Amino acid sequence: MGDRDGTVNISHREMPTFDDHVRFVERRPYIEWSFIAVGDDIVGAIYLSQQDEIGVFLYRKYRGMGYGRRAILALMDAHGPRRYLANINPRNDPSRSLFVSLGFTICQHTYEKRS
């Protein structure tokens, strides 16, 4: 895809292929997984996991235009009050800032050791 770099990944070192991603989605169903559309253009995707984790991705050229914010607010509005989570790479400053601006607070740090 070419639109993601290491500052956004939290669960893998290399971007999965499209087929790998399809297999993953089929194995781990989400409460919701939707494209983010503006008119006829697909600008990204958003999901809500079974653990109430929100994940959002926007193509680079659509970032900073408010689409992610509107998609997150619409998803939370559609699913009502609950404890929502967002797992964000600590180097992903734009995503961290977005979620903080929506009232999210940090509740956990996860550490990794590779041997």
PDB file of N, CA and C in Angstrom:
ATOM      1  N   MET A   1       0.834  -1.180   0.000  1.00  0.00           N
ATOM      2  CA  MET A   1       0.000   0.000   0.000  1.00  0.00           C
ATOM      3  C   MET A   1       0.874   1.236   0.000  1.00  0.00           C
ATOM      4  N   GLY A   2       1.961   1.235   0.795  1.00  0.00           N
ATOM      5  CA  GLY A   2       2.893   2.329   0.755  1.00  0.00           C
ATOM      6  C   GLY A   2       2.505   3.552   1.568  1.00  0.00           C
ATOM      7  N   ASP A   3       1.359   3.555   2.211  1.00  0.00           N
ATOM      8  CA  ASP A   3       0.929   4.722   2.971  1.00  0.00           C
ATOM      9  C   ASP A   3       1.220   4.614   4.450  1.00  0.00           C
ATOM     10  N   ARG A   4       1.767   3.510   4.915  1.00  0.00           N
ATOM     11  CA  ARG A   4       2.083   3.350   6.333  1.00  0.00           C
ATOM     12  C   ARG A   4       3.583   3.225   6.501  1.00  0.00           C
ATOM     13  N   ASP A   5       4.052   3.748   7.620  1.00  0.00           N
ATOM     14  CA  ASP A   5       5.457   3.554   7.961  1.00  0.00           C
ATOM     15  C   ASP A   5       5.541   3.009   9.378  1.00  0.00           C
ATOM     16  N   GLY A   6       6.747   2.847   9.888  1.00  0.00           N
ATOM     17  CA  GLY A   6       6.944   2.237  11.190  1.00  0.00           C
ATOM     18  C   GLY A   6       6.345   2.986  12.357  1.00  0.00           C
ATOM     19  N   THR A   7       5.982   4.241  12.166  1.00  0.00           N
ATOM     20  CA  THR A   7       5.426   4.998  13.287  1.00  0.00           C
ATOM     21  C   THR A   7       3.959   4.694  13.524  1.00  0.00           C
ATOM     22  N   VAL A   8       3.325   3.945  12.641  1.00  0.00           N
ATOM     23  CA  VAL A   8       1.912   3.636  12.857  1.00  0.00           C
ATOM     24  C   VAL A   8       1.678   2.183  13.220  1.00  0.00           C
ATOM     25  N   ASN A   9       2.611   1.308  12.899  1.00  0.00           N
ATOM     26  CA  ASN A   9       2.426  -0.110  13.184  1.00  0.00           C
ATOM     27  C   ASN A   9       2.531  -0.373  14.673  1.00  0.00           C
ATOM     28  N   ILE A  10       1.629  -1.216  15.183  1.00  0.00           N
ATOM     29  CA  ILE A  10       1.714  -1.613  16.587  1.00  0.00           C
ATOM     30  C   ILE A  10       1.759  -3.124  16.736  1.00  0.00           C
ATOM     31  N   SER A  11       1.414  -3.867  15.694  1.00  0.00           N
ATOM     32  CA  SER A  11       1.291  -5.314  15.870  1.00  0.00           C
ATOM     33  C   SER A  11       2.111  -6.128  14.872  1.00  0.00           C
ATOM     34  N   HIS A  12       2.830  -5.485  13.974  1.00  0.00           N
ATOM     35  CA  HIS A  12       3.621  -6.242  13.018  1.00  0.00           C
ATOM     36  C   HIS A  12       4.791  -5.388  12.536  1.00  0.00           C
ATOM     37  N   ARG A  13       5.834  -6.062  12.077  1.00  0.00           N
ATOM     38  CA  ARG A  13       7.035  -5.375  11.591  1.00  0.00           C
ATOM     39  C   ARG A  13       6.909  -4.972  10.124  1.00  0.00           C
ATOM     40  N   GLU A  14       6.251  -5.803   9.334  1.00  0.00           N
ATOM     41  CA  GLU A  14       6.066  -5.511   7.915  1.00  0.00           C
ATOM     42  C   GLU A  14       4.576  -5.482   7.618  1.00  0.00           C
ATOM     43  N   MET A  15       4.199  -4.660   6.680  1.00  0.00           N
ATOM     44  CA  MET A  15       2.793  -4.580   6.302  1.00  0.00           C
ATOM     45  C   MET A  15       2.350  -5.907   5.703  1.00  0.00           C
ATOM     46  N   PRO A  16       1.207  -6.418   6.142  1.00  0.00           N
ATOM     47  CA  PRO A  16       0.702  -7.675   5.570  1.00  0.00           C
ATOM     48  C   PRO A  16       0.243  -7.454   4.134  1.00  0.00           C
ATOM     49  N   THR A  17       0.223  -8.534   3.376  1.00  0.00           N
ATOM     50  CA  THR A  17      -0.334  -8.452   2.034  1.00  0.00           C
ATOM     51  C   THR A  17      -1.843  -8.292   2.143  1.00  0.00           C
ATOM     52  N   PHE A  18      -2.481  -7.954   1.058  1.00  0.00           N
ATOM     53  CA  PHE A  18      -3.937  -7.832   1.063  1.00  0.00           C
ATOM     54  C   PHE A  18      -4.567  -9.163   1.453  1.00  0.00           C
ATOM     55  N   ASP A  19      -4.079 -10.272   0.880  1.00  0.00           N
ATOM     56  CA  ASP A  19      -4.628 -11.594   1.204  1.00  0.00           C
ATOM     57  C   ASP A  19      -4.430 -11.940   2.679  1.00  0.00           C
ATOM     58  N   ASP A  20      -3.260 -11.589   3.241  1.00  0.00           N
ATOM     59  CA  ASP A  20      -3.027 -11.808   4.672  1.00  0.00           C
ATOM     60  C   ASP A  20      -4.037 -11.023   5.499  1.00  0.00           C
ATOM     61  N   HIS A  21      -4.292  -9.804   5.092  1.00  0.00           N
ATOM     62  CA  HIS A  21      -5.239  -8.964   5.821  1.00  0.00           C
ATOM     63  C   HIS A  21      -6.654  -9.539   5.747  1.00  0.00           C
ATOM     64  N   VAL A  22      -7.050 -10.018   4.589  1.00  0.00           N
ATOM     65  CA  VAL A  22      -8.383 -10.622   4.444  1.00  0.00           C
ATOM     66  C   VAL A  22      -8.511 -11.829   5.366  1.00  0.00           C
ATOM     67  N   ARG A  23      -7.481 -12.684   5.400  1.00  0.00           N
ATOM     68  CA  ARG A  23      -7.510 -13.852   6.291  1.00  0.00           C
ATOM     69  C   ARG A  23      -7.610 -13.428   7.751  1.00  0.00           C
ATOM     70  N   PHE A  24      -6.882 -12.374   8.124  1.00  0.00           N
ATOM     71  CA  PHE A  24      -6.938 -11.874   9.500  1.00  0.00           C
ATOM     72  C   PHE A  24      -8.353 -11.404   9.852  1.00  0.00           C
ATOM     73  N   VAL A  25      -8.940 -10.621   8.999  1.00  0.00           N
ATOM     74  CA  VAL A  25     -10.289 -10.100   9.257  1.00  0.00           C
ATOM     75  C   VAL A  25     -11.290 -11.240   9.350  1.00  0.00           C
ATOM     76  N   GLU A  26     -11.139 -12.252   8.505  1.00  0.00           N
ATOM     77  CA  GLU A  26     -12.066 -13.392   8.538  1.00  0.00           C
ATOM     78  C   GLU A  26     -11.911 -14.208   9.829  1.00  0.00           C
ATOM     79  N   ARG A  27     -10.702 -14.262  10.392  1.00  0.00           N
ATOM     80  CA  ARG A  27     -10.461 -15.010  11.631  1.00  0.00           C
ATOM     81  C   ARG A  27     -10.885 -14.246  12.879  1.00  0.00           C
ATOM     82  N   ARG A  28     -10.803 -12.933  12.845  1.00  0.00           N
ATOM     83  CA  ARG A  28     -11.043 -12.119  14.037  1.00  0.00           C
ATOM     84  C   ARG A  28     -12.087 -11.060  13.717  1.00  0.00           C
ATOM     85  N   PRO A  29     -13.328 -11.470  13.715  1.00  0.00           N
ATOM     86  CA  PRO A  29     -14.368 -10.523  13.314  1.00  0.00           C
ATOM     87  C   PRO A  29     -14.446  -9.319  14.252  1.00  0.00           C
ATOM     88  N   TYR A  30     -14.775  -8.230  13.666  1.00  0.00           N
ATOM     89  CA  TYR A  30     -14.928  -6.977  14.388  1.00  0.00           C
ATOM     90  C   TYR A  30     -16.407  -6.710  14.630  1.00  0.00           C
ATOM     91  N   ILE A  31     -16.691  -5.890  15.617  1.00  0.00           N
ATOM     92  CA  ILE A  31     -18.054  -5.407  15.791  1.00  0.00           C
ATOM     93  C   ILE A  31     -18.434  -4.597  14.557  1.00  0.00           C
ATOM     94  N   GLU A  32     -17.492  -3.779  14.090  1.00  0.00           N
ATOM     95  CA  GLU A  32     -17.701  -2.997  12.869  1.00  0.00           C
ATOM     96  C   GLU A  32     -16.367  -2.788  12.184  1.00  0.00           C
ATOM     97  N   TRP A  33     -16.367  -2.854  10.871  1.00  0.00           N
ATOM     98  CA  TRP A  33     -15.213  -2.524  10.045  1.00  0.00           C
ATOM     99  C   TRP A  33     -15.771  -1.860   8.801  1.00  0.00           C
ATOM    100  N   SER A  34     -15.430  -0.602   8.600  1.00  0.00           N
ATOM    101  CA  SER A  34     -16.041   0.165   7.512  1.00  0.00           C
ATOM    102  C   SER A  34     -15.005   0.998   6.776  1.00  0.00           C
ATOM    103  N   PHE A  35     -15.280   1.230   5.511  1.00  0.00           N
ATOM    104  CA  PHE A  35     -14.500   2.208   4.769  1.00  0.00           C
ATOM    105  C   PHE A  35     -14.959   3.594   5.184  1.00  0.00           C
ATOM    106  N   ILE A  36     -14.046   4.550   5.128  1.00  0.00           N
ATOM    107  CA  ILE A  36     -14.380   5.955   5.335  1.00  0.00           C
ATOM    108  C   ILE A  36     -14.470   6.556   3.944  1.00  0.00           C
ATOM    109  N   ALA A  37     -15.645   7.024   3.601  1.00  0.00           N
ATOM    110  CA  ALA A  37     -15.879   7.563   2.258  1.00  0.00           C
ATOM    111  C   ALA A  37     -16.216   9.045   2.337  1.00  0.00           C
ATOM    112  N   VAL A  38     -15.709   9.770   1.368  1.00  0.00           N
ATOM    113  CA  VAL A  38     -16.061  11.174   1.189  1.00  0.00           C
ATOM    114  C   VAL A  38     -16.520  11.286  -0.262  1.00  0.00           C
ATOM    115  N   GLY A  39     -17.814  11.472  -0.437  1.00  0.00           N
ATOM    116  CA  GLY A  39     -18.360  11.417  -1.783  1.00  0.00           C
ATOM    117  C   GLY A  39     -18.132  10.028  -2.347  1.00  0.00           C
ATOM    118  N   ASP A  40     -17.552   9.955  -3.523  1.00  0.00           N
ATOM    119  CA  ASP A  40     -17.254   8.673  -4.157  1.00  0.00           C
ATOM    120  C   ASP A  40     -15.860   8.149  -3.826  1.00  0.00           C
ATOM    121  N   ASP A  41     -15.100   8.885  -3.030  1.00  0.00           N
ATOM    122  CA  ASP A  41     -13.722   8.501  -2.717  1.00  0.00           C
ATOM    123  C   ASP A  41     -13.640   7.741  -1.396  1.00  0.00           C
ATOM    124  N   ILE A  42     -12.899   6.632  -1.399  1.00  0.00           N
ATOM    125  CA  ILE A  42     -12.559   5.927  -0.176  1.00  0.00           C
ATOM    126  C   ILE A  42     -11.303   6.602   0.359  1.00  0.00           C
ATOM    127  N   VAL A  43     -11.384   7.188   1.555  1.00  0.00           N
ATOM    128  CA  VAL A  43     -10.255   7.926   2.113  1.00  0.00           C
ATOM    129  C   VAL A  43      -9.546   7.145   3.211  1.00  0.00           C
ATOM    130  N   GLY A  44     -10.153   6.042   3.664  1.00  0.00           N
ATOM    131  CA  GLY A  44      -9.543   5.246   4.710  1.00  0.00           C
ATOM    132  C   GLY A  44     -10.483   4.171   5.208  1.00  0.00           C
ATOM    133  N   ALA A  45     -10.195   3.680   6.412  1.00  0.00           N
ATOM    134  CA  ALA A  45     -11.020   2.639   7.026  1.00  0.00           C
ATOM    135  C   ALA A  45     -11.004   2.829   8.537  1.00  0.00           C
ATOM    136  N   ILE A  46     -12.039   2.308   9.176  1.00  0.00           N
ATOM    137  CA  ILE A  46     -12.150   2.380  10.629  1.00  0.00           C
ATOM    138  C   ILE A  46     -12.760   1.080  11.130  1.00  0.00           C
ATOM    139  N   TYR A  47     -12.340   0.651  12.324  1.00  0.00           N
ATOM    140  CA  TYR A  47     -12.948  -0.554  12.889  1.00  0.00           C
ATOM    141  C   TYR A  47     -13.161  -0.386  14.385  1.00  0.00           C
ATOM    142  N   LEU A  48     -14.039  -1.224  14.893  1.00  0.00           N
ATOM    143  CA  LEU A  48     -14.249  -1.385  16.329  1.00  0.00           C
ATOM    144  C   LEU A  48     -14.112  -2.869  16.605  1.00  0.00           C
ATOM    145  N   SER A  49     -13.126  -3.238  17.436  1.00  0.00           N
ATOM    146  CA  SER A  49     -12.864  -4.644  17.722  1.00  0.00           C
ATOM    147  C   SER A  49     -13.834  -5.174  18.777  1.00  0.00           C
ATOM    148  N   GLN A  50     -13.802  -6.484  18.973  1.00  0.00           N
ATOM    149  CA  GLN A  50     -14.612  -7.114  20.011  1.00  0.00           C
ATOM    150  C   GLN A  50     -14.223  -6.620  21.399  1.00  0.00           C
ATOM    151  N   GLN A  51     -13.014  -6.065  21.546  1.00  0.00           N
ATOM    152  CA  GLN A  51     -12.554  -5.529  22.824  1.00  0.00           C
ATOM    153  C   GLN A  51     -12.769  -4.012  22.912  1.00  0.00           C
ATOM    154  N   ASP A  52     -13.605  -3.472  22.023  1.00  0.00           N
ATOM    155  CA  ASP A  52     -13.920  -2.035  21.975  1.00  0.00           C
ATOM    156  C   ASP A  52     -12.711  -1.169  21.651  1.00  0.00           C
ATOM    157  N   GLU A  53     -11.783  -1.711  20.861  1.00  0.00           N
ATOM    158  CA  GLU A  53     -10.627  -0.953  20.394  1.00  0.00           C
ATOM    159  C   GLU A  53     -10.968  -0.321  19.054  1.00  0.00           C
ATOM    160  N   ILE A  54     -10.677   0.959  18.942  1.00  0.00           N
ATOM    161  CA  ILE A  54     -10.899   1.678  17.693  1.00  0.00           C
ATOM    162  C   ILE A  54      -9.588   1.713  16.928  1.00  0.00           C
ATOM    163  N   GLY A  55      -9.645   1.379  15.670  1.00  0.00           N
ATOM    164  CA  GLY A  55      -8.506   1.520  14.774  1.00  0.00           C
ATOM    165  C   GLY A  55      -8.945   2.350  13.589  1.00  0.00           C
ATOM    166  N   VAL A  56      -8.128   3.277  13.194  1.00  0.00           N
ATOM    167  CA  VAL A  56      -8.479   4.138  12.060  1.00  0.00           C
ATOM    168  C   VAL A  56      -7.243   4.324  11.188  1.00  0.00           C
ATOM    169  N   PHE A  57      -7.455   4.299   9.885  1.00  0.00           N
ATOM    170  CA  PHE A  57      -6.383   4.522   8.917  1.00  0.00           C
ATOM    171  C   PHE A  57      -6.904   5.446   7.834  1.00  0.00           C
ATOM    172  N   LEU A  58      -6.118   6.449   7.498  1.00  0.00           N
ATOM    173  CA  LEU A  58      -6.443   7.337   6.375  1.00  0.00           C
ATOM    174  C   LEU A  58      -5.290   7.325   5.389  1.00  0.00           C
ATOM    175  N   TYR A  59      -5.619   7.318   4.113  1.00  0.00           N
ATOM    176  CA  TYR A  59      -4.575   7.477   3.108  1.00  0.00           C
ATOM    177  C   TYR A  59      -3.882   8.814   3.326  1.00  0.00           C
ATOM    178  N   ARG A  60      -2.594   8.840   3.115  1.00  0.00           N
ATOM    179  CA  ARG A  60      -1.760  10.002   3.422  1.00  0.00           C
ATOM    180  C   ARG A  60      -2.352  11.309   2.896  1.00  0.00           C
ATOM    181  N   LYS A  61      -2.841  11.327   1.685  1.00  0.00           N
ATOM    182  CA  LYS A  61      -3.304  12.595   1.117  1.00  0.00           C
ATOM    183  C   LYS A  61      -4.584  13.123   1.762  1.00  0.00           C
ATOM    184  N   TYR A  62      -5.247  12.299   2.588  1.00  0.00           N
ATOM    185  CA  TYR A  62      -6.475  12.727   3.254  1.00  0.00           C
ATOM    186  C   TYR A  62      -6.276  13.029   4.735  1.00  0.00           C
ATOM    187  N   ARG A  63      -5.067  12.906   5.218  1.00  0.00           N
ATOM    188  CA  ARG A  63      -4.803  13.151   6.634  1.00  0.00           C
ATOM    189  C   ARG A  63      -4.830  14.649   6.927  1.00  0.00           C
ATOM    190  N   GLY A  64      -5.227  14.983   8.149  1.00  0.00           N
ATOM    191  CA  GLY A  64      -5.247  16.376   8.572  1.00  0.00           C
ATOM    192  C   GLY A  64      -6.444  17.163   8.074  1.00  0.00           C
ATOM    193  N   MET A  65      -7.426  16.479   7.511  1.00  0.00           N
ATOM    194  CA  MET A  65      -8.608  17.152   6.966  1.00  0.00           C
ATOM    195  C   MET A  65      -9.852  16.946   7.825  1.00  0.00           C
ATOM    196  N   GLY A  66      -9.716  16.268   8.947  1.00  0.00           N
ATOM    197  CA  GLY A  66     -10.846  16.051   9.844  1.00  0.00           C
ATOM    198  C   GLY A  66     -11.642  14.792   9.580  1.00  0.00           C
ATOM    199  N   TYR A  67     -11.270  14.009   8.567  1.00  0.00           N
ATOM    200  CA  TYR A  67     -12.030  12.794   8.246  1.00  0.00           C
ATOM    201  C   TYR A  67     -11.916  11.738   9.341  1.00  0.00           C
ATOM    202  N   GLY A  68     -10.715  11.572   9.898  1.00  0.00           N
ATOM    203  CA  GLY A  68     -10.529  10.602  10.969  1.00  0.00           C
ATOM    204  C   GLY A  68     -11.345  10.971  12.196  1.00  0.00           C
ATOM    205  N   ARG A  69     -11.294  12.230  12.575  1.00  0.00           N
ATOM    206  CA  ARG A  69     -12.060  12.719  13.731  1.00  0.00           C
ATOM    207  C   ARG A  69     -13.552  12.456  13.533  1.00  0.00           C
ATOM    208  N   ARG A  70     -14.072  12.806  12.380  1.00  0.00           N
ATOM    209  CA  ARG A  70     -15.507  12.605  12.118  1.00  0.00           C
ATOM    210  C   ARG A  70     -15.862  11.124  12.109  1.00  0.00           C
ATOM    211  N   ALA A  71     -14.989  10.287  11.565  1.00  0.00           N
ATOM    212  CA  ALA A  71     -15.257   8.846  11.524  1.00  0.00           C
ATOM    213  C   ALA A  71     -15.268   8.258  12.937  1.00  0.00           C
ATOM    214  N   ILE A  72     -14.322   8.672  13.773  1.00  0.00           N
ATOM    215  CA  ILE A  72     -14.259   8.170  15.148  1.00  0.00           C
ATOM    216  C   ILE A  72     -15.506   8.606  15.916  1.00  0.00           C
ATOM    217  N   LEU A  73     -15.870   9.861  15.800  1.00  0.00           N
ATOM    218  CA  LEU A  73     -17.063  10.355  16.498  1.00  0.00           C
ATOM    219  C   LEU A  73     -18.322   9.637  16.024  1.00  0.00           C
ATOM    220  N   ALA A  74     -18.431   9.397  14.719  1.00  0.00           N
ATOM    221  CA  ALA A  74     -19.607   8.692  14.181  1.00  0.00           C
ATOM    222  C   ALA A  74     -19.655   7.248  14.688  1.00  0.00           C
ATOM    223  N   LEU A  75     -18.497   6.587  14.737  1.00  0.00           N
ATOM    224  CA  LEU A  75     -18.444   5.212  15.227  1.00  0.00           C
ATOM    225  C   LEU A  75     -18.869   5.154  16.698  1.00  0.00           C
ATOM    226  N   MET A  76     -18.335   6.061  17.509  1.00  0.00           N
ATOM    227  CA  MET A  76     -18.695   6.064  18.932  1.00  0.00           C
ATOM    228  C   MET A  76     -20.167   6.427  19.122  1.00  0.00           C
ATOM    229  N   ASP A  77     -20.678   7.330  18.324  1.00  0.00           N
ATOM    230  CA  ASP A  77     -22.092   7.699  18.406  1.00  0.00           C
ATOM    231  C   ASP A  77     -22.974   6.497  18.046  1.00  0.00           C
ATOM    232  N   ALA A  78     -22.571   5.756  17.027  1.00  0.00           N
ATOM    233  CA  ALA A  78     -23.365   4.601  16.581  1.00  0.00           C
ATOM    234  C   ALA A  78     -23.373   3.471  17.612  1.00  0.00           C
ATOM    235  N   HIS A  79     -22.303   3.341  18.396  1.00  0.00           N
ATOM    236  CA  HIS A  79     -22.190   2.229  19.336  1.00  0.00           C
ATOM    237  C   HIS A  79     -22.453   2.625  20.784  1.00  0.00           C
ATOM    238  N   GLY A  80     -22.703   3.878  21.026  1.00  0.00           N
ATOM    239  CA  GLY A  80     -23.133   4.332  22.343  1.00  0.00           C
ATOM    240  C   GLY A  80     -22.048   4.371  23.394  1.00  0.00           C
ATOM    241  N   PRO A  81     -22.449   4.780  24.582  1.00  0.00           N
ATOM    242  CA  PRO A  81     -21.485   4.918  25.681  1.00  0.00           C
ATOM    243  C   PRO A  81     -20.867   3.570  26.056  1.00  0.00           C
ATOM    244  N   ARG A  82     -19.574   3.545  26.191  1.00  0.00           N
ATOM    245  CA  ARG A  82     -18.802   2.384  26.633  1.00  0.00           C
ATOM    246  C   ARG A  82     -17.371   2.835  26.824  1.00  0.00           C
ATOM    247  N   ARG A  83     -16.517   1.971  27.267  1.00  0.00           N
ATOM    248  CA  ARG A  83     -15.088   2.269  27.397  1.00  0.00           C
ATOM    249  C   ARG A  83     -14.417   1.924  26.074  1.00  0.00           C
ATOM    250  N   TYR A  84     -14.041   2.943  25.324  1.00  0.00           N
ATOM    251  CA  TYR A  84     -13.347   2.738  24.059  1.00  0.00           C
ATOM    252  C   TYR A  84     -11.838   2.797  24.294  1.00  0.00           C
ATOM    253  N   LEU A  85     -11.103   2.010  23.534  1.00  0.00           N
ATOM    254  CA  LEU A  85      -9.648   1.978  23.600  1.00  0.00           C
ATOM    255  C   LEU A  85      -9.068   2.297  22.226  1.00  0.00           C
ATOM    256  N   ALA A  86      -7.847   2.793  22.216  1.00  0.00           N
ATOM    257  CA  ALA A  86      -7.116   3.019  20.962  1.00  0.00           C
ATOM    258  C   ALA A  86      -5.659   2.651  21.216  1.00  0.00           C
ATOM    259  N   ASN A  87      -5.173   1.616  20.558  1.00  0.00           N
ATOM    260  CA  ASN A  87      -3.769   1.219  20.658  1.00  0.00           C
ATOM    261  C   ASN A  87      -2.988   1.995  19.607  1.00  0.00           C
ATOM    262  N   ILE A  88      -2.071   2.846  20.065  1.00  0.00           N
ATOM    263  CA  ILE A  88      -1.365   3.761  19.161  1.00  0.00           C
ATOM    264  C   ILE A  88       0.130   3.615  19.384  1.00  0.00           C
ATOM    265  N   ASN A  89       0.869   3.512  18.303  1.00  0.00           N
ATOM    266  CA  ASN A  89       2.317   3.510  18.394  1.00  0.00           C
ATOM    267  C   ASN A  89       2.745   4.825  19.038  1.00  0.00           C
ATOM    268  N   PRO A  90       3.586   4.799  20.086  1.00  0.00           N
ATOM    269  CA  PRO A  90       3.962   6.042  20.768  1.00  0.00           C
ATOM    270  C   PRO A  90       4.702   7.038  19.877  1.00  0.00           C
ATOM    271  N   ARG A  91       5.202   6.590  18.729  1.00  0.00           N
ATOM    272  CA  ARG A  91       5.870   7.507  17.795  1.00  0.00           C
ATOM    273  C   ARG A  91       4.883   8.161  16.821  1.00  0.00           C
ATOM    274  N   ASN A  92       3.622   7.757  16.891  1.00  0.00           N
ATOM    275  CA  ASN A  92       2.617   8.284  15.970  1.00  0.00           C
ATOM    276  C   ASN A  92       1.944   9.512  16.604  1.00  0.00           C
ATOM    277  N   ASP A  93       2.662  10.639  16.589  1.00  0.00           N
ATOM    278  CA  ASP A  93       2.174  11.858  17.228  1.00  0.00           C
ATOM    279  C   ASP A  93       0.834  12.344  16.689  1.00  0.00           C
ATOM    280  N   PRO A  94       0.594  12.321  15.374  1.00  0.00           N
ATOM    281  CA  PRO A  94      -0.711  12.799  14.897  1.00  0.00           C
ATOM    282  C   PRO A  94      -1.885  11.980  15.444  1.00  0.00           C
ATOM    283  N   SER A  95      -1.739  10.662  15.492  1.00  0.00           N
ATOM    284  CA  SER A  95      -2.818   9.825  16.007  1.00  0.00           C
ATOM    285  C   SER A  95      -2.991  10.027  17.508  1.00  0.00           C
ATOM    286  N   ARG A  96      -1.883  10.094  18.240  1.00  0.00           N
ATOM    287  CA  ARG A  96      -1.980  10.342  19.674  1.00  0.00           C
ATOM    288  C   ARG A  96      -2.696  11.664  19.937  1.00  0.00           C
ATOM    289  N   SER A  97      -2.325  12.705  19.217  1.00  0.00           N
ATOM    290  CA  SER A  97      -2.953  14.017  19.400  1.00  0.00           C
ATOM    291  C   SER A  97      -4.440  13.980  19.077  1.00  0.00           C
ATOM    292  N   LEU A  98      -4.796  13.264  18.024  1.00  0.00           N
ATOM    293  CA  LEU A  98      -6.208  13.154  17.644  1.00  0.00           C
ATOM    294  C   LEU A  98      -7.020  12.520  18.767  1.00  0.00           C
ATOM    295  N   PHE A  99      -6.574  11.375  19.258  1.00  0.00           N
ATOM    296  CA  PHE A  99      -7.341  10.681  20.288  1.00  0.00           C
ATOM    297  C   PHE A  99      -7.368  11.478  21.599  1.00  0.00           C
ATOM    298  N   VAL A 100      -6.271  12.124  21.962  1.00  0.00           N
ATOM    299  CA  VAL A 100      -6.265  12.967  23.164  1.00  0.00           C
ATOM    300  C   VAL A 100      -7.267  14.109  22.998  1.00  0.00           C
ATOM    301  N   SER A 101      -7.323  14.705  21.800  1.00  0.00           N
ATOM    302  CA  SER A 101      -8.264  15.806  21.567  1.00  0.00           C
ATOM    303  C   SER A 101      -9.719  15.346  21.659  1.00  0.00           C
ATOM    304  N   LEU A 102      -9.938  14.031  21.508  1.00  0.00           N
ATOM    305  CA  LEU A 102     -11.287  13.471  21.628  1.00  0.00           C
ATOM    306  C   LEU A 102     -11.582  12.997  23.058  1.00  0.00           C
ATOM    307  N   GLY A 103     -10.665  13.258  23.989  1.00  0.00           N
ATOM    308  CA  GLY A 103     -10.898  12.923  25.389  1.00  0.00           C
ATOM    309  C   GLY A 103     -10.294  11.613  25.852  1.00  0.00           C
ATOM    310  N   PHE A 104      -9.552  10.917  24.990  1.00  0.00           N
ATOM    311  CA  PHE A 104      -8.894   9.678  25.382  1.00  0.00           C
ATOM    312  C   PHE A 104      -7.699  10.020  26.281  1.00  0.00           C
ATOM    313  N   THR A 105      -7.440   9.164  27.263  1.00  0.00           N
ATOM    314  CA  THR A 105      -6.284   9.338  28.136  1.00  0.00           C
ATOM    315  C   THR A 105      -5.462   8.049  28.118  1.00  0.00           C
ATOM    316  N   ILE A 106      -4.186   8.183  28.380  1.00  0.00           N
ATOM    317  CA  ILE A 106      -3.309   7.015  28.370  1.00  0.00           C
ATOM    318  C   ILE A 106      -3.610   6.140  29.591  1.00  0.00           C
ATOM    319  N   CYS A 107      -3.701   4.827  29.367  1.00  0.00           N
ATOM    320  CA  CYS A 107      -4.015   3.918  30.470  1.00  0.00           C
ATOM    321  C   CYS A 107      -3.033   2.753  30.544  1.00  0.00           C
ATOM    322  N   GLN A 108      -2.108   2.646  29.582  1.00  0.00           N
ATOM    323  CA  GLN A 108      -1.190   1.505  29.587  1.00  0.00           C
ATOM    324  C   GLN A 108      -0.007   1.776  28.683  1.00  0.00           C
ATOM    325  N   HIS A 109       1.147   1.276  29.067  1.00  0.00           N
ATOM    326  CA  HIS A 109       2.314   1.204  28.202  1.00  0.00           C
ATOM    327  C   HIS A 109       2.625  -0.267  28.019  1.00  0.00           C
ATOM    328  N   THR A 110       2.932  -0.695  26.826  1.00  0.00           N
ATOM    329  CA  THR A 110       3.307  -2.082  26.569  1.00  0.00           C
ATOM    330  C   THR A 110       4.771  -2.108  26.129  1.00  0.00           C
ATOM    331  N   TYR A 111       5.538  -2.991  26.709  1.00  0.00           N
ATOM    332  CA  TYR A 111       6.951  -3.094  26.387  1.00  0.00           C
ATOM    333  C   TYR A 111       7.230  -4.431  25.709  1.00  0.00           C
ATOM    334  N   GLU A 112       8.251  -4.442  24.883  1.00  0.00           N
ATOM    335  CA  GLU A 112       8.610  -5.637  24.120  1.00  0.00           C
ATOM    336  C   GLU A 112      10.095  -5.889  24.268  1.00  0.00           C
ATOM    337  N   LYS A 113      10.471  -7.167  24.360  1.00  0.00           N
ATOM    338  CA  LYS A 113      11.877  -7.566  24.309  1.00  0.00           C
ATOM    339  C   LYS A 113      12.000  -8.689  23.305  1.00  0.00           C
ATOM    340  N   ARG A 114      12.878  -8.504  22.360  1.00  0.00           N
ATOM    341  CA  ARG A 114      13.126  -9.560  21.374  1.00  0.00           C
ATOM    342  C   ARG A 114      14.448 -10.224  21.711  1.00  0.00           C
ATOM    343  N   SER A 115      14.485 -11.577  21.649  1.00  0.00           N
ATOM    344  CA  SER A 115      15.745 -12.266  21.895  1.00  0.00           C
ATOM    345  C   SER A 115      16.130 -13.144  20.731  1.00  0.00           C
TER     346      SER A 115
END
